[in-house]
Amino acid sequence: MAKQTRRPVIAQSFLARNWLILLVVAMVVGVLLYWTPEAPRPRVQQRANVGEVPADASAVVSVAEADRVTMLEMEQVIRTHPSSELRTRLMEWLRVGRVQLNNESAHTDALGMVAAVLYRETVRGPALTLAVSPVLFFGPQFTRARRQVMVYHEYIHLRQQIDGTIPATELRGTMRDHLTDTGIRWKLRAEFEAYEEECRLGLTFMGPGYSELCRRYAAHGRRALRESVVELHALLPMYRGHQTRVRTIGASIMNE
């Protein structure tokens, strides 16, 4: 009878253990090839919604971001404006560079105004600038509707300049030019039209509560409005010492 040979137990267990190790390694490699750990999500800085700029914008966004938000709101003020003429013409002037937007308070604060039309030299040449105070114009005291009415006033001044109904020197001249009889006369004529157009829009979309000046216009007509505009300008710092001339010149063109 042939002698039965035994397979070595140590060799079998060693072989089985090696196969088990190889199997585990293969599984680990497969998992690593098809899975990568999720990268940590970057912290997203909260941004103010356009049209909802908080009073203290710096508490939510950086200074640069606040500027971006205010300019986006300014664009929305224009794009959603109730005047189709303003929407069409002002957007076109901005597109071709005829008019620029500016929210640097140095310009408006120096004039003591929420918004103003300025004449500036740019790399492209002379340009009209619609400047707004980032603190006052975009403050919580003004709704978008009110901003749109204020922008309409400045749009009238842009239209006067571009269409030539008011001489360009009225805006581009020096302070000495503005203080001449001719300069004062043109300034008041420009403001007569701008305030009347502003009041028409303000009374239509915001009612008699829009402003005291416009309530006076609604109750007493054009002459009452012009009298208020003359007095308003006579009291401006730029006319200090010239108040009597402003009132006299205003009276002479009251019925034009």
Protein backbone atom coordinates (compact mmCIF):
# COMPACT_ATOMS: atom_id res chain seq x y z
CA MET A 1 0.00 0.00 0.00
CA ALA A 2 1.48 3.32 -1.04
CA LYS A 3 2.42 5.68 1.72
CA GLN A 4 0.16 8.82 1.86
CA THR A 5 2.06 12.08 1.89
CA ARG A 6 0.81 15.01 3.96
CA ARG A 7 0.87 18.57 2.67
CA PRO A 8 2.69 20.79 5.09
CA VAL A 9 0.23 22.74 7.27
CA ILE A 10 2.60 25.69 7.61
CA ALA A 11 2.86 26.13 3.81
CA GLN A 12 -0.94 26.08 3.41
CA SER A 13 -1.59 28.62 6.14
CA PHE A 14 1.17 30.89 4.84
CA LEU A 15 -0.29 30.78 1.30
CA ALA A 16 -3.81 31.49 2.55
CA ARG A 17 -2.58 34.41 4.66
CA ASN A 18 -0.73 35.90 1.68
CA TRP A 19 -3.81 35.70 -0.52
CA LEU A 20 -5.86 37.35 2.21
CA ILE A 21 -3.35 40.18 2.50
CA LEU A 22 -3.27 40.66 -1.27
CA LEU A 23 -7.07 40.77 -1.35
CA VAL A 24 -7.23 43.45 1.36
CA VAL A 25 -4.54 45.53 -0.38
CA ALA A 26 -6.42 45.31 -3.68
CA MET A 27 -9.62 46.47 -2.00
CA VAL A 28 -7.87 49.41 -0.34
CA VAL A 29 -6.24 50.46 -3.64
CA GLY A 30 -9.59 50.23 -5.41
CA VAL A 31 -11.23 52.43 -2.82
CA LEU A 32 -8.44 55.02 -3.06
CA LEU A 33 -8.69 55.09 -6.85
CA TYR A 34 -12.44 55.84 -6.86
CA TRP A 35 -12.80 58.00 -3.77
CA THR A 36 -11.24 61.27 -2.72
CA PRO A 37 -12.09 63.06 0.51
CA GLU A 38 -14.47 66.00 0.14
CA ALA A 39 -12.58 69.27 0.09
CA PRO A 40 -13.63 71.71 2.80
CA ARG A 41 -16.20 74.19 1.50
CA PRO A 42 -14.92 77.74 1.29
CA ARG A 43 -16.65 80.20 3.56
CA VAL A 44 -18.87 82.39 1.44
CA GLN A 45 -19.08 85.99 2.58
CA GLN A 46 -22.66 87.16 2.94
CA ARG A 47 -23.61 89.80 0.39
CA ALA A 48 -26.30 92.39 0.56
CA ASN A 49 -29.04 92.00 -2.02
CA VAL A 50 -29.24 94.68 -4.66
CA GLY A 51 -31.79 97.20 -3.51
CA GLU A 52 -31.37 96.21 0.13
CA VAL A 53 -28.10 97.90 1.01
CA PRO A 54 -27.92 98.12 4.80
CA ALA A 55 -27.23 101.40 6.57
CA ASP A 56 -23.89 100.02 7.78
CA ALA A 57 -22.79 98.19 4.65
CA SER A 58 -19.29 97.64 6.02
CA ALA A 59 -20.75 95.28 8.62
CA VAL A 60 -21.75 92.88 5.84
CA VAL A 61 -19.42 93.55 2.93
CA SER A 62 -16.02 95.03 2.33
CA VAL A 63 -15.61 98.63 1.14
CA ALA A 64 -14.94 97.44 -2.41
CA GLU A 65 -17.98 95.17 -2.27
CA ALA A 66 -20.12 98.01 -0.92
CA ASP A 67 -19.09 100.15 -3.91
CA ARG A 68 -20.03 97.30 -6.24
CA VAL A 69 -23.41 96.89 -4.56
CA THR A 70 -24.22 100.60 -4.72
CA MET A 71 -23.33 100.77 -8.40
CA LEU A 72 -25.45 97.69 -9.10
CA GLU A 73 -28.33 99.38 -7.29
CA MET A 74 -27.72 102.51 -9.36
CA GLU A 75 -27.96 100.42 -12.51
CA GLN A 76 -31.25 98.93 -11.28
CA VAL A 77 -32.56 102.42 -10.52
CA ILE A 78 -31.97 103.26 -14.20
CA ARG A 79 -33.06 99.96 -15.77
CA THR A 80 -36.37 99.86 -13.86
CA HIS A 81 -37.09 103.59 -14.08
CA PRO A 82 -40.72 104.49 -14.83
CA SER A 83 -39.62 106.91 -17.59
CA SER A 84 -39.00 105.01 -20.82
CA GLU A 85 -37.15 108.04 -22.18
CA LEU A 86 -34.67 107.98 -19.29
CA ARG A 87 -34.21 104.21 -19.53
CA THR A 88 -33.46 104.39 -23.26
CA ARG A 89 -31.34 107.53 -23.48
CA LEU A 90 -29.38 107.29 -20.25
CA MET A 91 -28.45 103.63 -20.82
CA GLU A 92 -27.26 104.55 -24.32
CA TRP A 93 -25.21 107.51 -23.04
CA LEU A 94 -23.61 105.22 -20.47
CA ARG A 95 -22.91 102.55 -23.09
CA VAL A 96 -21.08 104.90 -25.46
CA GLY A 97 -19.29 106.77 -22.66
CA ARG A 98 -21.11 110.07 -23.13
CA VAL A 99 -22.13 109.91 -19.46
CA GLN A 100 -20.37 108.21 -16.59
CA LEU A 101 -21.58 107.11 -13.16
CA ASN A 102 -19.68 108.07 -10.04
CA ASN A 103 -20.34 107.33 -6.37
CA GLU A 104 -17.45 109.23 -4.83
CA SER A 105 -18.80 111.40 -2.05
CA ALA A 106 -16.04 114.01 -2.47
CA HIS A 107 -17.94 115.52 -5.40
CA THR A 108 -21.45 115.54 -3.99
CA ASP A 109 -20.43 116.32 -0.41
CA ALA A 110 -18.52 119.38 -1.56
CA LEU A 111 -21.73 120.64 -3.15
CA GLY A 112 -23.92 119.54 -0.24
CA MET A 113 -26.05 117.45 -2.60
CA VAL A 114 -27.40 113.92 -2.73
CA ALA A 115 -26.81 113.78 -6.49
CA ALA A 116 -25.35 116.13 -9.09
CA VAL A 117 -24.27 116.35 -12.72
CA LEU A 118 -20.60 117.18 -13.12
CA TYR A 119 -18.30 117.83 -16.05
CA ARG A 120 -15.10 115.79 -15.98
CA GLU A 121 -12.06 115.23 -18.13
CA THR A 122 -11.50 111.51 -18.77
CA VAL A 123 -9.04 109.40 -20.77
CA ARG A 124 -11.64 109.38 -23.55
CA GLY A 125 -12.04 113.13 -23.42
CA PRO A 126 -14.73 115.35 -21.86
CA ALA A 127 -17.64 113.52 -20.25
CA LEU A 128 -20.67 114.32 -18.17
CA THR A 129 -20.82 112.51 -14.86
CA LEU A 130 -23.89 111.57 -12.88
CA ALA A 131 -22.50 111.62 -9.35
CA VAL A 132 -24.36 110.35 -6.31
CA SER A 133 -23.41 110.38 -2.64
CA PRO A 134 -22.95 106.74 -1.55
CA VAL A 135 -23.95 107.62 2.02
CA LEU A 136 -26.94 109.88 1.32
CA PHE A 137 -28.32 108.55 -1.96
CA PHE A 138 -28.13 104.89 -0.88
CA GLY A 139 -29.11 105.54 2.72
CA PRO A 140 -32.07 103.71 4.29
CA GLN A 141 -34.13 106.92 4.30
CA PHE A 142 -34.65 106.64 0.53
CA THR A 143 -36.64 103.96 -1.26
CA ARG A 144 -35.77 102.99 -4.81
CA ALA A 145 -38.81 104.94 -6.05
CA ARG A 146 -37.51 108.09 -4.38
CA ARG A 147 -34.05 107.52 -5.83
CA GLN A 148 -35.62 107.19 -9.27
CA VAL A 149 -37.35 110.55 -8.90
CA MET A 150 -34.10 112.21 -7.77
CA VAL A 151 -32.22 110.64 -10.67
CA TYR A 152 -34.87 112.00 -13.03
CA HIS A 153 -34.01 115.54 -11.90
CA GLU A 154 -30.35 114.92 -12.78
CA TYR A 155 -31.34 113.24 -16.05
CA ILE A 156 -33.07 116.49 -17.06
CA HIS A 157 -29.77 118.33 -16.51
CA LEU A 158 -27.94 115.74 -18.63
CA ARG A 159 -30.55 116.14 -21.36
CA GLN A 160 -30.21 119.93 -21.24
CA GLN A 161 -26.47 119.64 -21.78
CA ILE A 162 -26.53 116.96 -24.46
CA ASP A 163 -29.45 118.47 -26.41
CA GLY A 164 -27.96 121.96 -26.08
CA THR A 165 -30.95 123.65 -24.46
CA ILE A 166 -28.60 124.93 -21.74
CA PRO A 167 -25.17 126.23 -22.81
CA ALA A 168 -22.34 123.84 -22.00
CA THR A 169 -20.49 126.66 -20.25
CA GLU A 170 -23.21 126.67 -17.56
CA LEU A 171 -21.82 123.38 -16.30
CA ARG A 172 -18.20 123.59 -17.48
CA GLY A 173 -17.40 127.16 -16.49
CA THR A 174 -15.52 128.33 -13.44
CA MET A 175 -17.21 129.53 -10.27
CA ARG A 176 -16.67 133.08 -11.50
CA ASP A 177 -18.67 132.22 -14.63
CA HIS A 178 -21.49 130.82 -12.50
CA LEU A 179 -21.69 134.05 -10.49
CA THR A 180 -22.20 136.34 -13.47
CA ASP A 181 -25.73 137.51 -14.23
CA THR A 182 -25.75 135.28 -17.32
CA GLY A 183 -24.53 132.27 -15.32
CA ILE A 184 -27.17 132.76 -12.63
CA ARG A 185 -29.89 133.22 -15.25
CA TRP A 186 -29.01 129.97 -17.04
CA LYS A 187 -28.66 128.09 -13.77
CA LEU A 188 -32.14 129.12 -12.65
CA ARG A 189 -33.65 128.28 -16.04
CA ALA A 190 -32.09 124.84 -15.86
CA GLU A 191 -33.43 124.30 -12.35
CA PHE A 192 -36.91 125.56 -13.21
CA GLU A 193 -37.26 122.78 -15.77
CA ALA A 194 -35.56 120.07 -13.68
CA TYR A 195 -37.64 120.73 -10.56
CA GLU A 196 -40.89 120.88 -12.50
CA GLU A 197 -40.14 117.55 -14.22
CA GLU A 198 -39.07 116.04 -10.89
CA CYS A 199 -42.29 117.18 -9.23
CA ARG A 200 -44.48 115.82 -11.99
CA LEU A 201 -42.88 112.39 -11.65
CA GLY A 202 -42.72 112.50 -7.85
CA LEU A 203 -46.36 113.50 -7.47
CA THR A 204 -47.44 110.83 -9.97
CA PHE A 205 -45.56 107.92 -8.41
CA MET A 206 -45.24 108.97 -4.76
CA GLY A 207 -48.13 111.36 -4.16
CA PRO A 208 -48.18 114.76 -2.43
CA GLY A 209 -45.93 113.47 0.35
CA TYR A 210 -42.93 113.41 -1.97
CA SER A 211 -41.64 116.88 -0.96
CA GLU A 212 -42.85 120.21 0.40
CA LEU A 213 -41.66 121.99 -2.73
CA CYS A 214 -43.71 119.68 -4.93
CA ARG A 215 -46.76 120.02 -2.69
CA ARG A 216 -46.49 123.76 -3.26
CA TYR A 217 -46.30 123.14 -7.00
CA ALA A 218 -49.40 120.92 -6.87
CA ALA A 219 -51.36 123.46 -4.85
CA HIS A 220 -50.29 126.75 -6.43
CA GLY A 221 -48.77 125.99 -9.83
CA ARG A 222 -45.61 126.77 -11.75
CA ARG A 223 -44.95 130.27 -10.45
CA ALA A 224 -45.05 129.10 -6.84
CA LEU A 225 -42.58 126.35 -7.69
CA ARG A 226 -40.21 128.81 -9.38
CA GLU A 227 -40.38 131.19 -6.45
CA SER A 228 -39.37 128.32 -4.17
CA VAL A 229 -36.52 127.31 -6.50
CA VAL A 230 -35.15 130.87 -6.59
CA GLU A 231 -35.22 131.12 -2.80
CA LEU A 232 -33.65 127.68 -2.45
CA HIS A 233 -30.73 128.72 -4.66
CA ALA A 234 -30.35 132.15 -3.08
CA LEU A 235 -29.57 130.33 0.17
CA LEU A 236 -26.92 128.01 -1.30
CA PRO A 237 -23.36 128.53 0.01
CA MET A 238 -22.07 129.16 -3.51
CA TYR A 239 -24.26 132.29 -3.74
CA ARG A 240 -23.29 133.69 -0.35
CA GLY A 241 -23.03 137.45 -0.80
CA HIS A 242 -25.04 137.28 -4.06
CA GLN A 243 -28.49 136.44 -2.67
CA THR A 244 -30.07 139.72 -3.77
CA ARG A 245 -28.86 139.29 -7.35
CA VAL A 246 -30.15 135.72 -7.44
CA ARG A 247 -33.60 136.85 -6.28
CA THR A 248 -33.65 139.81 -8.70
CA ILE A 249 -32.61 137.72 -11.70
CA GLY A 250 -35.06 134.98 -10.69
CA ALA A 251 -37.91 137.51 -10.60
CA SER A 252 -36.99 138.77 -14.08
CA ILE A 253 -37.35 135.30 -15.68
CA MET A 254 -40.22 134.05 -13.52
CA ASN A 255 -42.78 134.17 -16.35
CA GLU A 256 -40.64 132.92 -19.23
